[in-house]
Full PDB file with SEQRES, HELIX, SHEET, SSBOND, CRYST1, ORIGX, SCALE, CONECT and MASTER records, all heavy atoms in Angstrom:
SEQRES   1 A   32  ASP SER LEU TRP VAL VAL ASN THR ILE LYS ILE ASN SER          
SEQRES   2 A   32  VAL GLU ALA GLY ARG GLU GLY PHE TYR LYS GLN VAL ASP          
SEQRES   3 A   32  LEU LYS ARG ASP ALA ALA                                      
SHEET    1 AA1 2 THR A   8  ASN A  12  0                                        
SHEET    2 AA1 2 TYR A  22  ASP A  26 -1                                        
CRYST1    1.000    1.000    1.000  90.00  90.00  90.00 P 1           1          
ORIGX1      1.000000  0.000000  0.000000        0.00000                         
ORIGX2      0.000000  1.000000  0.000000        0.00000                         
ORIGX3      0.000000  0.000000  1.000000        0.00000                         
SCALE1      1.000000  0.000000  0.000000        0.00000                         
SCALE2      0.000000  1.000000  0.000000        0.00000                         
SCALE3      0.000000  0.000000  1.000000        0.00000                         
ATOM      1  N   ASP A   1     129.500 105.370 104.142  1.00  0.00           N  
ATOM      2  CA  ASP A   1     128.604 106.429 103.904  1.00  0.00           C  
ATOM      3  C   ASP A   1     127.850 106.794 105.169  1.00  0.00           C  
ATOM      4  O   ASP A   1     126.823 107.536 105.152  1.00  0.00           O  
ATOM      5  CB  ASP A   1     127.635 105.966 102.828  1.00  0.00           C  
ATOM      6  CG  ASP A   1     126.792 104.748 103.314  1.00  0.00           C  
ATOM      7  OD1 ASP A   1     127.098 104.171 104.319  1.00  0.00           O  
ATOM      8  OD2 ASP A   1     125.843 104.434 102.647  1.00  0.00           O  
ATOM      9  N   SER A   2     128.336 106.407 106.366  1.00  0.00           N  
ATOM     10  CA  SER A   2     127.633 106.797 107.559  1.00  0.00           C  
ATOM     11  C   SER A   2     128.505 107.735 108.348  1.00  0.00           C  
ATOM     12  O   SER A   2     129.800 107.814 108.190  1.00  0.00           O  
ATOM     13  CB  SER A   2     127.366 105.467 108.442  1.00  0.00           C  
ATOM     14  OG  SER A   2     128.523 104.925 108.820  1.00  0.00           O  
ATOM     15  N   LEU A   3     127.930 108.488 109.275  1.00  0.00           N  
ATOM     16  CA  LEU A   3     128.588 109.363 110.177  1.00  0.00           C  
ATOM     17  C   LEU A   3     127.919 109.254 111.499  1.00  0.00           C  
ATOM     18  O   LEU A   3     126.790 109.574 111.629  1.00  0.00           O  
ATOM     19  CB  LEU A   3     128.522 110.846 109.606  1.00  0.00           C  
ATOM     20  CG  LEU A   3     129.175 111.858 110.582  1.00  0.00           C  
ATOM     21  CD1 LEU A   3     130.541 111.682 110.722  1.00  0.00           C  
ATOM     22  CD2 LEU A   3     128.943 113.268 110.081  1.00  0.00           C  
ATOM     23  N   TRP A   4     128.721 108.793 112.514  1.00  0.00           N  
ATOM     24  CA  TRP A   4     128.153 108.436 113.784  1.00  0.00           C  
ATOM     25  C   TRP A   4     128.428 109.669 114.768  1.00  0.00           C  
ATOM     26  O   TRP A   4     129.555 110.244 114.778  1.00  0.00           O  
ATOM     27  CB  TRP A   4     128.809 107.313 114.305  1.00  0.00           C  
ATOM     28  CG  TRP A   4     128.515 106.089 113.495  1.00  0.00           C  
ATOM     29  CD1 TRP A   4     129.283 105.588 112.518  1.00  0.00           C  
ATOM     30  CD2 TRP A   4     127.392 105.263 113.483  1.00  0.00           C  
ATOM     31  NE1 TRP A   4     128.805 104.484 111.932  1.00  0.00           N  
ATOM     32  CE2 TRP A   4     127.639 104.257 112.435  1.00  0.00           C  
ATOM     33  CE3 TRP A   4     126.139 105.279 114.200  1.00  0.00           C  
ATOM     34  CZ2 TRP A   4     126.660 103.286 112.154  1.00  0.00           C  
ATOM     35  CZ3 TRP A   4     125.253 104.216 113.940  1.00  0.00           C  
ATOM     36  CH2 TRP A   4     125.464 103.273 112.982  1.00  0.00           C  
ATOM     37  N   VAL A   5     127.416 110.036 115.474  1.00  0.00           N  
ATOM     38  CA  VAL A   5     127.561 111.211 116.360  1.00  0.00           C  
ATOM     39  C   VAL A   5     127.730 110.663 117.759  1.00  0.00           C  
ATOM     40  O   VAL A   5     127.025 109.888 118.236  1.00  0.00           O  
ATOM     41  CB  VAL A   5     126.257 112.089 116.348  1.00  0.00           C  
ATOM     42  CG1 VAL A   5     126.317 113.206 117.381  1.00  0.00           C  
ATOM     43  CG2 VAL A   5     126.063 112.671 114.964  1.00  0.00           C  
ATOM     44  N   VAL A   6     128.750 111.160 118.452  1.00  0.00           N  
ATOM     45  CA  VAL A   6     129.084 110.662 119.906  1.00  0.00           C  
ATOM     46  C   VAL A   6     128.409 111.644 120.785  1.00  0.00           C  
ATOM     47  O   VAL A   6     128.636 112.841 120.794  1.00  0.00           O  
ATOM     48  CB  VAL A   6     130.615 110.692 120.089  1.00  0.00           C  
ATOM     49  CG1 VAL A   6     130.821 110.212 121.558  1.00  0.00           C  
ATOM     50  CG2 VAL A   6     131.312 109.777 119.115  1.00  0.00           C  
ATOM     51  N   ASN A   7     127.664 111.162 121.737  1.00  0.00           N  
ATOM     52  CA  ASN A   7     126.906 111.974 122.681  1.00  0.00           C  
ATOM     53  C   ASN A   7     127.407 111.831 124.155  1.00  0.00           C  
ATOM     54  O   ASN A   7     127.386 112.807 124.890  1.00  0.00           O  
ATOM     55  CB  ASN A   7     125.425 111.646 122.771  1.00  0.00           C  
ATOM     56  CG  ASN A   7     124.708 112.094 121.436  1.00  0.00           C  
ATOM     57  OD1 ASN A   7     125.024 113.169 120.882  1.00  0.00           O  
ATOM     58  ND2 ASN A   7     123.819 111.367 120.889  1.00  0.00           N  
ATOM     59  N   THR A   8     127.935 110.653 124.370  1.00  0.00           N  
ATOM     60  CA  THR A   8     128.480 110.494 125.848  1.00  0.00           C  
ATOM     61  C   THR A   8     129.793 109.598 125.800  1.00  0.00           C  
ATOM     62  O   THR A   8     129.831 108.762 124.893  1.00  0.00           O  
ATOM     63  CB  THR A   8     127.577 109.880 126.872  1.00  0.00           C  
ATOM     64  OG1 THR A   8     127.294 108.544 126.445  1.00  0.00           O  
ATOM     65  CG2 THR A   8     126.312 110.733 126.953  1.00  0.00           C  
ATOM     66  N   ILE A   9     130.755 109.947 126.698  1.00  0.00           N  
ATOM     67  CA  ILE A   9     131.879 109.091 126.701  1.00  0.00           C  
ATOM     68  C   ILE A   9     132.064 108.819 128.238  1.00  0.00           C  
ATOM     69  O   ILE A   9     132.141 109.689 129.113  1.00  0.00           O  
ATOM     70  CB  ILE A   9     133.208 109.834 126.164  1.00  0.00           C  
ATOM     71  CG1 ILE A   9     132.994 110.351 124.788  1.00  0.00           C  
ATOM     72  CG2 ILE A   9     134.342 108.909 126.291  1.00  0.00           C  
ATOM     73  CD1 ILE A   9     132.724 111.870 124.738  1.00  0.00           C  
ATOM     74  N   LYS A  10     132.088 107.468 128.575  1.00  0.00           N  
ATOM     75  CA  LYS A  10     132.323 107.117 129.917  1.00  0.00           C  
ATOM     76  C   LYS A  10     133.799 106.562 129.971  1.00  0.00           C  
ATOM     77  O   LYS A  10     134.137 105.576 129.191  1.00  0.00           O  
ATOM     78  CB  LYS A  10     131.443 105.921 130.388  1.00  0.00           C  
ATOM     79  CG  LYS A  10     131.616 105.444 131.754  1.00  0.00           C  
ATOM     80  CD  LYS A  10     130.582 104.307 132.070  1.00  0.00           C  
ATOM     81  CE  LYS A  10     130.942 103.683 133.407  1.00  0.00           C  
ATOM     82  NZ  LYS A  10     130.013 102.565 133.735  1.00  0.00           N  
ATOM     83  N   ILE A  11     134.693 107.154 130.709  1.00  0.00           N  
ATOM     84  CA  ILE A  11     136.013 106.797 130.794  1.00  0.00           C  
ATOM     85  C   ILE A  11     136.330 106.067 132.164  1.00  0.00           C  
ATOM     86  O   ILE A  11     136.460 106.737 133.252  1.00  0.00           O  
ATOM     87  CB  ILE A  11     136.995 107.979 130.675  1.00  0.00           C  
ATOM     88  CG1 ILE A  11     136.589 108.817 129.484  1.00  0.00           C  
ATOM     89  CG2 ILE A  11     138.453 107.669 130.640  1.00  0.00           C  
ATOM     90  CD1 ILE A  11     137.236 110.120 129.225  1.00  0.00           C  
ATOM     91  N   ASN A  12     136.391 104.730 132.129  1.00  0.00           N  
ATOM     92  CA  ASN A  12     136.669 103.963 133.290  1.00  0.00           C  
ATOM     93  C   ASN A  12     138.021 103.946 133.843  1.00  0.00           C  
ATOM     94  O   ASN A  12     138.976 104.038 133.003  1.00  0.00           O  
ATOM     95  CB  ASN A  12     136.209 102.496 133.102  1.00  0.00           C  
ATOM     96  CG  ASN A  12     134.807 102.294 132.722  1.00  0.00           C  
ATOM     97  OD1 ASN A  12     133.971 102.740 133.538  1.00  0.00           O  
ATOM     98  ND2 ASN A  12     134.469 101.699 131.619  1.00  0.00           N  
ATOM     99  N   SER A  13     138.215 104.115 135.137  1.00  0.00           N  
ATOM    100  CA  SER A  13     139.581 104.008 135.631  1.00  0.00           C  
ATOM    101  C   SER A  13     140.193 102.693 135.499  1.00  0.00           C  
ATOM    102  O   SER A  13     139.529 101.642 135.589  1.00  0.00           O  
ATOM    103  CB  SER A  13     139.560 104.307 137.195  1.00  0.00           C  
ATOM    104  OG  SER A  13     140.827 104.317 137.692  1.00  0.00           O  
ATOM    105  N   VAL A  14     141.439 102.683 135.101  1.00  0.00           N  
ATOM    106  CA  VAL A  14     142.161 101.384 134.924  1.00  0.00           C  
ATOM    107  C   VAL A  14     143.207 101.185 135.988  1.00  0.00           C  
ATOM    108  O   VAL A  14     144.014 100.209 135.903  1.00  0.00           O  
ATOM    109  CB  VAL A  14     142.842 101.252 133.471  1.00  0.00           C  
ATOM    110  CG1 VAL A  14     141.733 101.174 132.457  1.00  0.00           C  
ATOM    111  CG2 VAL A  14     143.791 102.410 133.267  1.00  0.00           C  
ATOM    112  N   GLU A  15     143.224 101.988 137.011  1.00  0.00           N  
ATOM    113  CA  GLU A  15     144.154 101.882 138.136  1.00  0.00           C  
ATOM    114  C   GLU A  15     143.736 100.833 139.063  1.00  0.00           C  
ATOM    115  O   GLU A  15     142.498 100.718 139.378  1.00  0.00           O  
ATOM    116  CB  GLU A  15     144.254 103.270 138.838  1.00  0.00           C  
ATOM    117  CG  GLU A  15     144.729 104.476 138.098  1.00  0.00           C  
ATOM    118  CD  GLU A  15     144.809 105.706 138.933  1.00  0.00           C  
ATOM    119  OE1 GLU A  15     145.226 105.664 140.066  1.00  0.00           O  
ATOM    120  OE2 GLU A  15     144.399 106.773 138.358  1.00  0.00           O  
ATOM    121  N   ALA A  16     144.712 100.078 139.580  1.00  0.00           N  
ATOM    122  CA  ALA A  16     144.415  99.060 140.566  1.00  0.00           C  
ATOM    123  C   ALA A  16     143.790  99.653 141.802  1.00  0.00           C  
ATOM    124  O   ALA A  16     144.268 100.706 142.301  1.00  0.00           O  
ATOM    125  CB  ALA A  16     145.755  98.324 140.870  1.00  0.00           C  
ATOM    126  N   GLY A  17     142.802  99.035 142.340  1.00  0.00           N  
ATOM    127  CA  GLY A  17     142.010  99.548 143.509  1.00  0.00           C  
ATOM    128  C   GLY A  17     140.986 100.543 143.278  1.00  0.00           C  
ATOM    129  O   GLY A  17     140.410 101.076 144.093  1.00  0.00           O  
ATOM    130  N   ARG A  18     140.847 101.054 141.952  1.00  0.00           N  
ATOM    131  CA  ARG A  18     139.890 102.069 141.573  1.00  0.00           C  
ATOM    132  C   ARG A  18     138.824 101.520 140.636  1.00  0.00           C  
ATOM    133  O   ARG A  18     138.313 102.247 139.919  1.00  0.00           O  
ATOM    134  CB  ARG A  18     140.608 103.318 141.031  1.00  0.00           C  
ATOM    135  CG  ARG A  18     141.461 104.070 141.990  1.00  0.00           C  
ATOM    136  CD  ARG A  18     142.042 105.285 141.468  1.00  0.00           C  
ATOM    137  NE  ARG A  18     141.166 106.244 140.902  1.00  0.00           N  
ATOM    138  CZ  ARG A  18     140.502 107.118 141.648  1.00  0.00           C  
ATOM    139  NH1 ARG A  18     140.811 107.202 142.988  1.00  0.00           N  
ATOM    140  NH2 ARG A  18     139.693 107.956 141.069  1.00  0.00           N  
ATOM    141  N   GLU A  19     138.506 100.271 140.857  1.00  0.00           N  
ATOM    142  CA  GLU A  19     137.474  99.704 140.064  1.00  0.00           C  
ATOM    143  C   GLU A  19     136.130 100.452 140.336  1.00  0.00           C  
ATOM    144  O   GLU A  19     135.776 100.648 141.556  1.00  0.00           O  
ATOM    145  CB  GLU A  19     137.377  98.145 140.281  1.00  0.00           C  
ATOM    146  CG  GLU A  19     138.503  97.368 139.846  1.00  0.00           C  
ATOM    147  CD  GLU A  19     139.742  97.446 140.795  1.00  0.00           C  
ATOM    148  OE1 GLU A  19     139.572  98.023 141.880  1.00  0.00           O  
ATOM    149  OE2 GLU A  19     140.839  96.902 140.402  1.00  0.00           O  
ATOM    150  N   GLY A  20     135.400 100.730 139.373  1.00  0.00           N  
ATOM    151  CA  GLY A  20     134.098 101.392 139.585  1.00  0.00           C  
ATOM    152  C   GLY A  20     134.189 102.938 139.518  1.00  0.00           C  
ATOM    153  O   GLY A  20     133.129 103.639 139.521  1.00  0.00           O  
ATOM    154  N   PHE A  21     135.315 103.470 139.548  1.00  0.00           N  
ATOM    155  CA  PHE A  21     135.614 104.865 139.346  1.00  0.00           C  
ATOM    156  C   PHE A  21     135.476 105.247 137.845  1.00  0.00           C  
ATOM    157  O   PHE A  21     136.188 104.527 137.056  1.00  0.00           O  
ATOM    158  CB  PHE A  21     136.879 105.331 140.013  1.00  0.00           C  
ATOM    159  CG  PHE A  21     136.926 105.357 141.528  1.00  0.00           C  
ATOM    160  CD1 PHE A  21     137.030 104.199 142.192  1.00  0.00           C  
ATOM    161  CD2 PHE A  21     136.835 106.499 142.169  1.00  0.00           C  
ATOM    162  CE1 PHE A  21     137.022 104.176 143.586  1.00  0.00           C  
ATOM    163  CE2 PHE A  21     136.900 106.553 143.610  1.00  0.00           C  
ATOM    164  CZ  PHE A  21     136.946 105.339 144.268  1.00  0.00           C  
ATOM    165  N   TYR A  22     134.967 106.325 137.519  1.00  0.00           N  
ATOM    166  CA  TYR A  22     134.904 106.789 136.099  1.00  0.00           C  
ATOM    167  C   TYR A  22     134.642 108.206 135.958  1.00  0.00           C  
ATOM    168  O   TYR A  22     134.145 108.863 136.814  1.00  0.00           O  
ATOM    169  CB  TYR A  22     133.963 105.921 135.293  1.00  0.00           C  
ATOM    170  CG  TYR A  22     132.584 106.104 135.664  1.00  0.00           C  
ATOM    171  CD1 TYR A  22     131.756 107.012 134.903  1.00  0.00           C  
ATOM    172  CD2 TYR A  22     131.910 105.387 136.670  1.00  0.00           C  
ATOM    173  CE1 TYR A  22     130.419 107.188 135.274  1.00  0.00           C  
ATOM    174  CE2 TYR A  22     130.593 105.529 136.884  1.00  0.00           C  
ATOM    175  CZ  TYR A  22     129.733 106.285 136.226  1.00  0.00           C  
ATOM    176  OH  TYR A  22     128.467 106.557 136.500  1.00  0.00           O  
ATOM    177  N   LYS A  23     134.979 108.742 134.787  1.00  0.00           N  
ATOM    178  CA  LYS A  23     134.651 110.134 134.343  1.00  0.00           C  
ATOM    179  C   LYS A  23     133.661 109.985 133.247  1.00  0.00           C  
ATOM    180  O   LYS A  23     133.773 109.129 132.419  1.00  0.00           O  
ATOM    181  CB  LYS A  23     135.848 110.804 133.980  1.00  0.00           C  
ATOM    182  CG  LYS A  23     135.675 112.214 133.336  1.00  0.00           C  
ATOM    183  CD  LYS A  23     136.962 112.825 133.049  1.00  0.00           C  
ATOM    184  CE  LYS A  23     137.042 113.530 131.714  1.00  0.00           C  
ATOM    185  NZ  LYS A  23     138.266 114.245 131.453  1.00  0.00           N  
ATOM    186  N   GLN A  24     132.636 110.757 133.259  1.00  0.00           N  
ATOM    187  CA  GLN A  24     131.610 110.920 132.190  1.00  0.00           C  
ATOM    188  C   GLN A  24     131.631 112.208 131.469  1.00  0.00           C  
ATOM    189  O   GLN A  24     131.491 113.261 132.179  1.00  0.00           O  
ATOM    190  CB  GLN A  24     130.252 110.433 132.656  1.00  0.00           C  
ATOM    191  CG  GLN A  24     129.308 110.434 131.503  1.00  0.00           C  
ATOM    192  CD  GLN A  24     128.027 109.558 131.837  1.00  0.00           C  
ATOM    193  OE1 GLN A  24     128.101 108.456 132.393  1.00  0.00           O  
ATOM    194  NE2 GLN A  24     126.882 110.090 131.524  1.00  0.00           N  
ATOM    195  N   VAL A  25     131.609 112.169 130.195  1.00  0.00           N  
ATOM    196  CA  VAL A  25     131.533 113.469 129.416  1.00  0.00           C  
ATOM    197  C   VAL A  25     130.176 113.433 128.705  1.00  0.00           C  
ATOM    198  O   VAL A  25     129.873 112.413 127.931  1.00  0.00           O  
ATOM    199  CB  VAL A  25     132.717 113.556 128.451  1.00  0.00           C  
ATOM    200  CG1 VAL A  25     132.589 114.789 127.547  1.00  0.00           C  
ATOM    201  CG2 VAL A  25     133.989 113.564 129.119  1.00  0.00           C  
ATOM    202  N   ASP A  26     129.351 114.391 128.835  1.00  0.00           N  
ATOM    203  CA  ASP A  26     128.072 114.530 128.144  1.00  0.00           C  
ATOM    204  C   ASP A  26     128.194 115.715 127.156  1.00  0.00           C  
ATOM    205  O   ASP A  26     128.512 116.819 127.561  1.00  0.00           O  
ATOM    206  CB  ASP A  26     126.907 114.719 129.135  1.00  0.00           C  
ATOM    207  CG  ASP A  26     126.730 113.543 130.005  1.00  0.00           C  
ATOM    208  OD1 ASP A  26     126.237 112.499 129.521  1.00  0.00           O  
ATOM    209  OD2 ASP A  26     127.177 113.615 131.228  1.00  0.00           O  
ATOM    210  N   LEU A  27     127.841 115.482 125.881  1.00  0.00           N  
ATOM    211  CA  LEU A  27     127.805 116.569 124.892  1.00  0.00           C  
ATOM    212  C   LEU A  27     126.390 116.840 124.500  1.00  0.00           C  
ATOM    213  O   LEU A  27     125.639 116.089 123.944  1.00  0.00           O  
ATOM    214  CB  LEU A  27     128.585 116.030 123.663  1.00  0.00           C  
ATOM    215  CG  LEU A  27     130.018 115.517 123.854  1.00  0.00           C  
ATOM    216  CD1 LEU A  27     130.650 115.001 122.574  1.00  0.00           C  
ATOM    217  CD2 LEU A  27     130.919 116.599 124.467  1.00  0.00           C  
ATOM    218  N   LYS A  28     126.005 118.173 124.793  1.00  0.00           N  
ATOM    219  CA  LYS A  28     124.691 118.597 124.485  1.00  0.00           C  
ATOM    220  C   LYS A  28     124.734 119.284 123.146  1.00  0.00           C  
ATOM    221  O   LYS A  28     125.622 120.104 122.958  1.00  0.00           O  
ATOM    222  CB  LYS A  28     124.238 119.587 125.573  1.00  0.00           C  
ATOM    223  CG  LYS A  28     122.809 120.075 125.345  1.00  0.00           C  
ATOM    224  CD  LYS A  28     122.486 121.021 126.427  1.00  0.00           C  
ATOM    225  CE  LYS A  28     120.982 121.579 126.329  1.00  0.00           C  
ATOM    226  NZ  LYS A  28     120.694 122.508 127.495  1.00  0.00           N  
ATOM    227  N   ARG A  29     123.818 118.996 122.252  1.00  0.00           N  
ATOM    228  CA  ARG A  29     123.895 119.562 120.857  1.00  0.00           C  
ATOM    229  C   ARG A  29     122.565 120.323 120.455  1.00  0.00           C  
ATOM    230  O   ARG A  29     121.504 120.005 121.117  1.00  0.00           O  
ATOM    231  CB  ARG A  29     124.032 118.368 119.873  1.00  0.00           C  
ATOM    232  CG  ARG A  29     125.300 117.613 120.058  1.00  0.00           C  
ATOM    233  CD  ARG A  29     125.386 116.429 119.127  1.00  0.00           C  
ATOM    234  NE  ARG A  29     126.621 115.575 119.427  1.00  0.00           N  
ATOM    235  CZ  ARG A  29     127.788 115.835 118.962  1.00  0.00           C  
ATOM    236  NH1 ARG A  29     127.969 116.864 118.107  1.00  0.00           N  
ATOM    237  NH2 ARG A  29     128.809 115.041 119.277  1.00  0.00           N  
ATOM    238  N   ASP A  30     122.692 121.183 119.583  1.00  0.00           N  
ATOM    239  CA  ASP A  30     121.498 121.842 119.060  1.00  0.00           C  
ATOM    240  C   ASP A  30     120.853 121.110 117.903  1.00  0.00           C  
ATOM    241  O   ASP A  30     121.325 119.980 117.650  1.00  0.00           O  
ATOM    242  CB  ASP A  30     121.821 123.292 118.641  1.00  0.00           C  
ATOM    243  CG  ASP A  30     122.752 123.430 117.485  1.00  0.00           C  
ATOM    244  OD1 ASP A  30     123.014 122.379 116.805  1.00  0.00           O  
ATOM    245  OD2 ASP A  30     123.357 124.490 117.254  1.00  0.00           O  
ATOM    246  N   ALA A  31     119.791 121.578 117.343  1.00  0.00           N  
ATOM    247  CA  ALA A  31     119.155 120.917 116.246  1.00  0.00           C  
ATOM    248  C   ALA A  31     119.952 120.583 115.050  1.00  0.00           C  
ATOM    249  O   ALA A  31     119.747 119.535 114.332  1.00  0.00           O  
ATOM    250  CB  ALA A  31     117.962 121.712 115.782  1.00  0.00           C  
ATOM    251  N   ALA A  32     121.002 121.375 114.831  1.00  0.00           N  
ATOM    252  CA  ALA A  32     121.997 121.112 113.723  1.00  0.00           C  
ATOM    253  C   ALA A  32     123.077 120.173 114.070  1.00  0.00           C  
ATOM    254  O   ALA A  32     123.993 119.868 113.260  1.00  0.00           O  
ATOM    255  CB  ALA A  32     122.513 122.457 113.287  1.00  0.00           C  
TER     256      ALA A  32                                                      
MASTER        0    0    0    0    2    0    0    6  255    1    0    3          
END                                                                             
């Protein structure tokens, strides 16, 4: 009975030698 709202997604690099590299997605929402 719950619905979870996702506001940010951090996508960490899994490539060797790229530890600490990541992409971040931020979702801005209105009152609804």
